[in-house]
């Protein structure tokens, strides 16, 4: 039987460190639109999970314009929001991404899904984040819709509700198998930050998009540019990633 795979991307306008970050313009589009373009390279359907806040009406408008299904749910209980997506969409396998990754490579996601499906294990959680080898901004996680429903039913910790998958990758049930999907390119990939959370992140991403044609490049090509231009990495290498629960 063929599994129906769908990518769920979470997006909201009320980000704290850089308000409205995914709606900021660069290269003629918003960061969210670039994110949707890049995820679409996977050739899997993309569903936008946003909130019921009026601030996120613009996110719904962009998703609608892109022909992407969308679901509006809780702002803080993001696990509930993802479960709502499942209620409205017939999915067997979920890929979770976040919209603050405008350069994420859908082709890398597709390769990860291929490995996940080949394992044929309904209790498998696969991700390229269990051990950091990719730059931040290329993160994705893969798991069955049934595991997501199980997490929604059983997760009680506030961090598990807010961060969606910690119930899974912390293996709270005790029988989830974890599979890391490492980057096989430059050994320096993990030190780069190509995600959007602060103004310095925005400056780096805008520079890559507007001066280095980043939107036409794959993950390996982007890492190569960062390797060749340490001055680019210096734009945001001082930023500390927010910890789980912050």
C-alpha atoms as a PDB file:
ATOM      1  CA  UNK A   1       0.000   0.000   0.000  1.00  0.00           C
ATOM      2  CA  UNK A   2       1.301   3.457  -0.871  1.00  0.00           C
ATOM      3  CA  UNK A   3       1.593   5.846   2.065  1.00  0.00           C
ATOM      4  CA  UNK A   4       0.219   9.341   1.638  1.00  0.00           C
ATOM      5  CA  UNK A   5       2.907  11.764   2.756  1.00  0.00           C
ATOM      6  CA  UNK A   6       2.215  15.386   3.620  1.00  0.00           C
ATOM      7  CA  UNK A   7       4.440  18.204   4.843  1.00  0.00           C
ATOM      8  CA  UNK A   8       3.005  20.318   7.657  1.00  0.00           C
ATOM      9  CA  UNK A   9       4.690  23.672   8.162  1.00  0.00           C
ATOM     10  CA  UNK A  10       3.866  25.749  11.223  1.00  0.00           C
ATOM     11  CA  UNK A  11       3.696  29.506  10.775  1.00  0.00           C
ATOM     12  CA  UNK A  12       2.636  32.477  12.842  1.00  0.00           C
ATOM     13  CA  UNK A  13       3.188  36.218  12.692  1.00  0.00           C
ATOM     14  CA  UNK A  14       3.599  36.827  16.425  1.00  0.00           C
ATOM     15  CA  UNK A  15       7.223  35.721  16.718  1.00  0.00           C
ATOM     16  CA  UNK A  16       9.022  37.272  19.688  1.00  0.00           C
ATOM     17  CA  UNK A  17      12.612  37.980  18.642  1.00  0.00           C
ATOM     18  CA  UNK A  18      11.696  39.266  15.165  1.00  0.00           C
ATOM     19  CA  UNK A  19       7.965  40.084  14.994  1.00  0.00           C
ATOM     20  CA  UNK A  20       6.262  39.166  11.728  1.00  0.00           C
ATOM     21  CA  UNK A  21       9.482  37.581  10.497  1.00  0.00           C
ATOM     22  CA  UNK A  22       7.998  35.169   7.936  1.00  0.00           C
ATOM     23  CA  UNK A  23       6.010  38.022   6.379  1.00  0.00           C
ATOM     24  CA  UNK A  24       9.043  40.267   5.851  1.00  0.00           C
ATOM     25  CA  UNK A  25       9.926  40.914   2.191  1.00  0.00           C
ATOM     26  CA  UNK A  26      13.096  39.809   0.426  1.00  0.00           C
ATOM     27  CA  UNK A  27      13.808  39.186  -3.238  1.00  0.00           C
ATOM     28  CA  UNK A  28      10.314  40.207  -4.308  1.00  0.00           C
ATOM     29  CA  UNK A  29       8.416  37.833  -1.980  1.00  0.00           C
ATOM     30  CA  UNK A  30       7.914  37.215   1.701  1.00  0.00           C
ATOM     31  CA  UNK A  31      10.146  34.755   3.519  1.00  0.00           C
ATOM     32  CA  UNK A  32       7.087  32.521   3.910  1.00  0.00           C
ATOM     33  CA  UNK A  33       6.568  32.396   0.148  1.00  0.00           C
ATOM     34  CA  UNK A  34      10.204  31.463  -0.415  1.00  0.00           C
ATOM     35  CA  UNK A  35       9.814  28.747   2.230  1.00  0.00           C
ATOM     36  CA  UNK A  36       6.761  27.315   0.449  1.00  0.00           C
ATOM     37  CA  UNK A  37       8.614  27.396  -2.885  1.00  0.00           C
ATOM     38  CA  UNK A  38      11.562  25.516  -1.421  1.00  0.00           C
ATOM     39  CA  UNK A  39       9.473  22.909   0.399  1.00  0.00           C
ATOM     40  CA  UNK A  40       7.536  22.281  -2.826  1.00  0.00           C
ATOM     41  CA  UNK A  41      10.767  20.934  -4.372  1.00  0.00           C
ATOM     42  CA  UNK A  42      10.024  17.759  -2.408  1.00  0.00           C
ATOM     43  CA  UNK A  43       6.985  17.093  -4.644  1.00  0.00           C
ATOM     44  CA  UNK A  44       4.866  16.375  -1.562  1.00  0.00           C
ATOM     45  CA  UNK A  45       1.751  18.372  -0.665  1.00  0.00           C
ATOM     46  CA  UNK A  46       2.310  21.159   1.860  1.00  0.00           C
ATOM     47  CA  UNK A  47      -0.211  22.149   4.528  1.00  0.00           C
ATOM     48  CA  UNK A  48       0.136  25.351   6.554  1.00  0.00           C
ATOM     49  CA  UNK A  49      -0.677  25.103  10.275  1.00  0.00           C
ATOM     50  CA  UNK A  50      -1.264  28.580  11.671  1.00  0.00           C
ATOM     51  CA  UNK A  51      -3.247  30.141  14.501  1.00  0.00           C
ATOM     52  CA  UNK A  52      -6.690  31.631  15.007  1.00  0.00           C
ATOM     53  CA  UNK A  53      -5.110  35.027  15.745  1.00  0.00           C
ATOM     54  CA  UNK A  54      -6.107  37.863  13.426  1.00  0.00           C
ATOM     55  CA  UNK A  55      -2.376  38.570  12.980  1.00  0.00           C
ATOM     56  CA  UNK A  56      -2.190  35.350  10.978  1.00  0.00           C
ATOM     57  CA  UNK A  57      -4.838  36.272   8.417  1.00  0.00           C
ATOM     58  CA  UNK A  58      -1.956  37.208   6.098  1.00  0.00           C
ATOM     59  CA  UNK A  59      -0.485  33.733   6.457  1.00  0.00           C
ATOM     60  CA  UNK A  60      -3.810  32.188   5.467  1.00  0.00           C
ATOM     61  CA  UNK A  61      -4.002  34.557   2.503  1.00  0.00           C
ATOM     62  CA  UNK A  62      -0.554  33.480   1.286  1.00  0.00           C
ATOM     63  CA  UNK A  63      -1.367  29.787   1.724  1.00  0.00           C
ATOM     64  CA  UNK A  64      -4.625  30.263  -0.189  1.00  0.00           C
ATOM     65  CA  UNK A  65      -2.825  32.058  -3.001  1.00  0.00           C
ATOM     66  CA  UNK A  66      -0.374  29.169  -3.194  1.00  0.00           C
ATOM     67  CA  UNK A  67      -3.181  26.616  -3.286  1.00  0.00           C
ATOM     68  CA  UNK A  68      -1.892  25.107  -0.044  1.00  0.00           C
ATOM     69  CA  UNK A  69      -4.422  23.736   2.453  1.00  0.00           C
ATOM     70  CA  UNK A  70      -4.320  25.480   5.812  1.00  0.00           C
ATOM     71  CA  UNK A  71      -5.557  24.885   9.330  1.00  0.00           C
ATOM     72  CA  UNK A  72      -6.001  27.411  12.133  1.00  0.00           C
ATOM     73  CA  UNK A  73      -5.650  26.295  15.725  1.00  0.00           C
ATOM     74  CA  UNK A  74      -4.086  27.102  19.070  1.00  0.00           C
ATOM     75  CA  UNK A  75      -1.103  29.434  19.172  1.00  0.00           C
ATOM     76  CA  UNK A  76       0.653  27.740  22.107  1.00  0.00           C
ATOM     77  CA  UNK A  77      -0.671  24.174  21.854  1.00  0.00           C
ATOM     78  CA  UNK A  78       0.979  23.520  18.521  1.00  0.00           C
ATOM     79  CA  UNK A  79       0.522  19.763  18.935  1.00  0.00           C
ATOM     80  CA  UNK A  80      -3.239  20.370  18.944  1.00  0.00           C
ATOM     81  CA  UNK A  81      -2.791  22.455  15.796  1.00  0.00           C
ATOM     82  CA  UNK A  82      -1.011  19.593  14.026  1.00  0.00           C
ATOM     83  CA  UNK A  83      -3.666  17.114  15.158  1.00  0.00           C
ATOM     84  CA  UNK A  84      -6.244  19.432  13.627  1.00  0.00           C
ATOM     85  CA  UNK A  85      -4.424  19.183  10.307  1.00  0.00           C
ATOM     86  CA  UNK A  86      -4.798  15.393  10.468  1.00  0.00           C
ATOM     87  CA  UNK A  87      -8.521  15.740  11.139  1.00  0.00           C
ATOM     88  CA  UNK A  88      -8.887  17.647   7.875  1.00  0.00           C
ATOM     89  CA  UNK A  89      -6.369  15.837   5.659  1.00  0.00           C
ATOM     90  CA  UNK A  90      -5.927  12.168   4.807  1.00  0.00           C
ATOM     91  CA  UNK A  91      -2.263  11.591   5.690  1.00  0.00           C
ATOM     92  CA  UNK A  92      -0.390   8.441   6.641  1.00  0.00           C
ATOM     93  CA  UNK A  93       3.036  10.056   7.092  1.00  0.00           C
ATOM     94  CA  UNK A  94       3.812  13.547   8.374  1.00  0.00           C
ATOM     95  CA  UNK A  95       6.887  15.645   7.654  1.00  0.00           C
ATOM     96  CA  UNK A  96       7.179  18.521  10.106  1.00  0.00           C
ATOM     97  CA  UNK A  97       8.998  21.703   9.123  1.00  0.00           C
ATOM     98  CA  UNK A  98       8.852  25.277  10.362  1.00  0.00           C
ATOM     99  CA  UNK A  99       8.302  28.371   8.252  1.00  0.00           C
ATOM    100  CA  UNK A 100      11.369  30.196   9.576  1.00  0.00           C
ATOM    101  CA  UNK A 101      13.467  28.091   7.172  1.00  0.00           C
ATOM    102  CA  UNK A 102      13.260  30.001   3.856  1.00  0.00           C
ATOM    103  CA  UNK A 103      16.163  28.109   2.250  1.00  0.00           C
ATOM    104  CA  UNK A 104      15.153  24.598   3.332  1.00  0.00           C
ATOM    105  CA  UNK A 105      15.848  22.091   0.547  1.00  0.00           C
ATOM    106  CA  UNK A 106      12.805  20.050  -0.449  1.00  0.00           C
ATOM    107  CA  UNK A 107      15.038  17.607  -2.303  1.00  0.00           C
ATOM    108  CA  UNK A 108      16.778  16.736   0.966  1.00  0.00           C
ATOM    109  CA  UNK A 109      13.361  16.196   2.540  1.00  0.00           C
ATOM    110  CA  UNK A 110      12.378  13.861  -0.311  1.00  0.00           C
ATOM    111  CA  UNK A 111      15.520  11.778   0.218  1.00  0.00           C
ATOM    112  CA  UNK A 112      14.750  11.557   3.927  1.00  0.00           C
ATOM    113  CA  UNK A 113      11.199  10.411   3.250  1.00  0.00           C
ATOM    114  CA  UNK A 114      12.545   7.719   0.944  1.00  0.00           C
ATOM    115  CA  UNK A 115      14.700   6.360   3.765  1.00  0.00           C
ATOM    116  CA  UNK A 116      11.817   6.563   6.219  1.00  0.00           C
ATOM    117  CA  UNK A 117       9.445   4.645   3.929  1.00  0.00           C
ATOM    118  CA  UNK A 118      12.086   2.011   3.179  1.00  0.00           C
ATOM    119  CA  UNK A 119      12.356   1.248   6.901  1.00  0.00           C
ATOM    120  CA  UNK A 120       8.653   0.279   6.948  1.00  0.00           C
ATOM    121  CA  UNK A 121       8.383   0.838  10.712  1.00  0.00           C
ATOM    122  CA  UNK A 122       5.235   2.524  12.099  1.00  0.00           C
ATOM    123  CA  UNK A 123       7.071   3.301  15.369  1.00  0.00           C
ATOM    124  CA  UNK A 124       9.945   5.098  13.616  1.00  0.00           C
ATOM    125  CA  UNK A 125      10.784   8.761  14.162  1.00  0.00           C
ATOM    126  CA  UNK A 126      13.320  10.025  11.601  1.00  0.00           C
ATOM    127  CA  UNK A 127      14.912  13.465  11.547  1.00  0.00           C
ATOM    128  CA  UNK A 128      18.023  15.319  10.476  1.00  0.00           C
ATOM    129  CA  UNK A 129      18.215  16.999  13.889  1.00  0.00           C
ATOM    130  CA  UNK A 130      18.879  14.167  16.354  1.00  0.00           C
ATOM    131  CA  UNK A 131      22.565  14.890  15.870  1.00  0.00           C
ATOM    132  CA  UNK A 132      23.254  18.311  14.353  1.00  0.00           C
ATOM    133  CA  UNK A 133      25.047  17.946  10.985  1.00  0.00           C
ATOM    134  CA  UNK A 134      22.943  20.201   8.751  1.00  0.00           C
ATOM    135  CA  UNK A 135      22.874  23.983   9.079  1.00  0.00           C
ATOM    136  CA  UNK A 136      20.001  25.309  11.141  1.00  0.00           C
ATOM    137  CA  UNK A 137      17.308  26.148   8.629  1.00  0.00           C
ATOM    138  CA  UNK A 138      17.213  22.724   6.955  1.00  0.00           C
ATOM    139  CA  UNK A 139      15.464  20.866   9.783  1.00  0.00           C
ATOM    140  CA  UNK A 140      12.762  18.301   9.170  1.00  0.00           C
ATOM    141  CA  UNK A 141      11.176  15.398  11.062  1.00  0.00           C
ATOM    142  CA  UNK A 142       9.220  12.394   9.740  1.00  0.00           C
ATOM    143  CA  UNK A 143       6.785  10.179  11.610  1.00  0.00           C
ATOM    144  CA  UNK A 144       3.483   8.401  11.108  1.00  0.00           C
ATOM    145  CA  UNK A 145       0.158  10.159  11.477  1.00  0.00           C
ATOM    146  CA  UNK A 146      -0.713   7.532  14.076  1.00  0.00           C
ATOM    147  CA  UNK A 147       2.297   8.493  16.206  1.00  0.00           C
ATOM    148  CA  UNK A 148       1.248  12.139  16.020  1.00  0.00           C
ATOM    149  CA  UNK A 149      -2.265  11.223  17.136  1.00  0.00           C
ATOM    150  CA  UNK A 150      -0.781   9.186  19.985  1.00  0.00           C
ATOM    151  CA  UNK A 151       1.324  12.145  21.089  1.00  0.00           C
ATOM    152  CA  UNK A 152      -1.715  14.423  20.956  1.00  0.00           C
ATOM    153  CA  UNK A 153      -3.686  11.997  23.104  1.00  0.00           C
ATOM    154  CA  UNK A 154      -1.009  11.289  25.710  1.00  0.00           C
ATOM    155  CA  UNK A 155       1.357  14.276  25.918  1.00  0.00           C
ATOM    156  CA  UNK A 156       0.723  16.393  29.009  1.00  0.00           C
ATOM    157  CA  UNK A 157       3.935  18.370  29.488  1.00  0.00           C
ATOM    158  CA  UNK A 158       3.550  21.993  28.280  1.00  0.00           C
ATOM    159  CA  UNK A 159       6.819  21.692  26.317  1.00  0.00           C
ATOM    160  CA  UNK A 160       5.502  18.619  24.502  1.00  0.00           C
ATOM    161  CA  UNK A 161       2.335  20.488  23.547  1.00  0.00           C
ATOM    162  CA  UNK A 162       4.232  23.570  22.349  1.00  0.00           C
ATOM    163  CA  UNK A 163       7.075  21.830  20.513  1.00  0.00           C
ATOM    164  CA  UNK A 164       4.951  19.107  18.853  1.00  0.00           C
ATOM    165  CA  UNK A 165       7.486  16.306  18.607  1.00  0.00           C
ATOM    166  CA  UNK A 166       9.408  16.204  21.892  1.00  0.00           C
ATOM    167  CA  UNK A 167       7.055  13.431  23.080  1.00  0.00           C
ATOM    168  CA  UNK A 168       8.357  11.425  20.115  1.00  0.00           C
ATOM    169  CA  UNK A 169      12.069  12.246  19.968  1.00  0.00           C
ATOM    170  CA  UNK A 170      12.375  11.985  23.747  1.00  0.00           C
ATOM    171  CA  UNK A 171      10.781   8.524  23.328  1.00  0.00           C
ATOM    172  CA  UNK A 172       8.311   9.007  26.150  1.00  0.00           C
ATOM    173  CA  UNK A 173       6.361   5.802  25.254  1.00  0.00           C
ATOM    174  CA  UNK A 174       9.620   3.803  25.372  1.00  0.00           C
ATOM    175  CA  UNK A 175       9.186   1.906  22.096  1.00  0.00           C
ATOM    176  CA  UNK A 176       9.868   4.567  19.453  1.00  0.00           C
ATOM    177  CA  UNK A 177      12.860   3.885  17.218  1.00  0.00           C
ATOM    178  CA  UNK A 178      14.949   6.952  16.388  1.00  0.00           C
ATOM    179  CA  UNK A 179      16.743   7.404  13.066  1.00  0.00           C
ATOM    180  CA  UNK A 180      19.093  10.298  12.427  1.00  0.00           C
ATOM    181  CA  UNK A 181      19.496  11.444   8.819  1.00  0.00           C
ATOM    182  CA  UNK A 182      22.964  13.028   8.685  1.00  0.00           C
ATOM    183  CA  UNK A 183      24.416  15.461   6.185  1.00  0.00           C
ATOM    184  CA  UNK A 184      27.103  13.769   4.073  1.00  0.00           C
ATOM    185  CA  UNK A 185      28.705  16.927   2.736  1.00  0.00           C
ATOM    186  CA  UNK A 186      30.965  19.535   4.308  1.00  0.00           C
ATOM    187  CA  UNK A 187      31.901  18.758   7.917  1.00  0.00           C
ATOM    188  CA  UNK A 188      31.245  22.424   8.707  1.00  0.00           C
ATOM    189  CA  UNK A 189      27.540  22.357   7.843  1.00  0.00           C
ATOM    190  CA  UNK A 190      26.357  22.170  11.444  1.00  0.00           C
ATOM    191  CA  UNK A 191      28.002  25.442  12.445  1.00  0.00           C
ATOM    192  CA  UNK A 192      25.990  27.592  10.040  1.00  0.00           C
ATOM    193  CA  UNK A 193      22.731  29.319  10.875  1.00  0.00           C
ATOM    194  CA  UNK A 194      20.420  29.742   7.866  1.00  0.00           C
ATOM    195  CA  UNK A 195      17.221  30.125   9.851  1.00  0.00           C
ATOM    196  CA  UNK A 196      15.187  33.272  10.525  1.00  0.00           C
ATOM    197  CA  UNK A 197      14.788  34.319  14.138  1.00  0.00           C
ATOM    198  CA  UNK A 198      16.613  37.627  14.590  1.00  0.00           C
ATOM    199  CA  UNK A 199      17.477  40.722  12.601  1.00  0.00           C
ATOM    200  CA  UNK A 200      21.023  39.416  12.075  1.00  0.00           C
ATOM    201  CA  UNK A 201      19.568  36.183  10.661  1.00  0.00           C
ATOM    202  CA  UNK A 202      17.451  38.289   8.306  1.00  0.00           C
ATOM    203  CA  UNK A 203      20.525  40.213   7.130  1.00  0.00           C
ATOM    204  CA  UNK A 204      22.390  37.003   6.305  1.00  0.00           C
ATOM    205  CA  UNK A 205      19.454  35.418   4.490  1.00  0.00           C
ATOM    206  CA  UNK A 206      18.758  38.604   2.540  1.00  0.00           C
ATOM    207  CA  UNK A 207      22.414  38.785   1.507  1.00  0.00           C
ATOM    208  CA  UNK A 208      22.397  35.172   0.330  1.00  0.00           C
ATOM    209  CA  UNK A 209      19.157  35.620  -1.590  1.00  0.00           C
ATOM    210  CA  UNK A 210      19.916  38.989  -3.162  1.00  0.00           C
ATOM    211  CA  UNK A 211      23.663  38.663  -3.800  1.00  0.00           C
ATOM    212  CA  UNK A 212      24.297  34.918  -4.130  1.00  0.00           C
ATOM    213  CA  UNK A 213      21.115  33.691  -5.858  1.00  0.00           C
ATOM    214  CA  UNK A 214      20.485  31.380  -2.898  1.00  0.00           C
ATOM    215  CA  UNK A 215      16.962  30.476  -3.984  1.00  0.00           C
ATOM    216  CA  UNK A 216      18.324  28.558  -6.960  1.00  0.00           C
ATOM    217  CA  UNK A 217      20.900  26.624  -4.914  1.00  0.00           C
ATOM    218  CA  UNK A 218      20.661  23.301  -3.119  1.00  0.00           C
ATOM    219  CA  UNK A 219      21.848  22.613   0.402  1.00  0.00           C
ATOM    220  CA  UNK A 220      25.374  21.564  -0.612  1.00  0.00           C
ATOM    221  CA  UNK A 221      25.846  24.683  -2.743  1.00  0.00           C
ATOM    222  CA  UNK A 222      24.684  26.925   0.093  1.00  0.00           C
ATOM    223  CA  UNK A 223      27.044  25.263   2.552  1.00  0.00           C
ATOM    224  CA  UNK A 224      29.874  25.695   0.028  1.00  0.00           C
ATOM    225  CA  UNK A 225      29.185  29.439  -0.136  1.00  0.00           C
ATOM    226  CA  UNK A 226      29.273  29.655   3.646  1.00  0.00           C
ATOM    227  CA  UNK A 227      32.553  27.702   3.688  1.00  0.00           C
ATOM    228  CA  UNK A 228      34.063  30.072   1.123  1.00  0.00           C
ATOM    229  CA  UNK A 229      32.818  33.283   2.796  1.00  0.00           C
ATOM    230  CA  UNK A 230      33.419  33.306   6.560  1.00  0.00           C
ATOM    231  CA  UNK A 231      32.322  36.947   6.611  1.00  0.00           C
ATOM    232  CA  UNK A 232      28.786  35.738   5.893  1.00  0.00           C
ATOM    233  CA  UNK A 233      28.757  33.324   8.818  1.00  0.00           C
ATOM    234  CA  UNK A 234      30.067  36.136  11.008  1.00  0.00           C
ATOM    235  CA  UNK A 235      26.832  38.061  10.466  1.00  0.00           C
ATOM    236  CA  UNK A 236      24.914  35.777  12.822  1.00  0.00           C
ATOM    237  CA  UNK A 237      27.289  33.256  14.372  1.00  0.00           C
ATOM    238  CA  UNK A 238      26.872  34.977  17.752  1.00  0.00           C
ATOM    239  CA  UNK A 239      23.139  34.205  17.920  1.00  0.00           C
ATOM    240  CA  UNK A 240      22.185  31.576  20.474  1.00  0.00           C
ATOM    241  CA  UNK A 241      19.434  29.182  19.457  1.00  0.00           C
ATOM    242  CA  UNK A 242      16.423  29.308  21.753  1.00  0.00           C
ATOM    243  CA  UNK A 243      16.305  26.276  24.002  1.00  0.00           C
ATOM    244  CA  UNK A 244      13.369  23.881  24.230  1.00  0.00           C
ATOM    245  CA  UNK A 245      10.746  25.501  26.425  1.00  0.00           C
ATOM    246  CA  UNK A 246      11.973  29.082  26.027  1.00  0.00           C
END
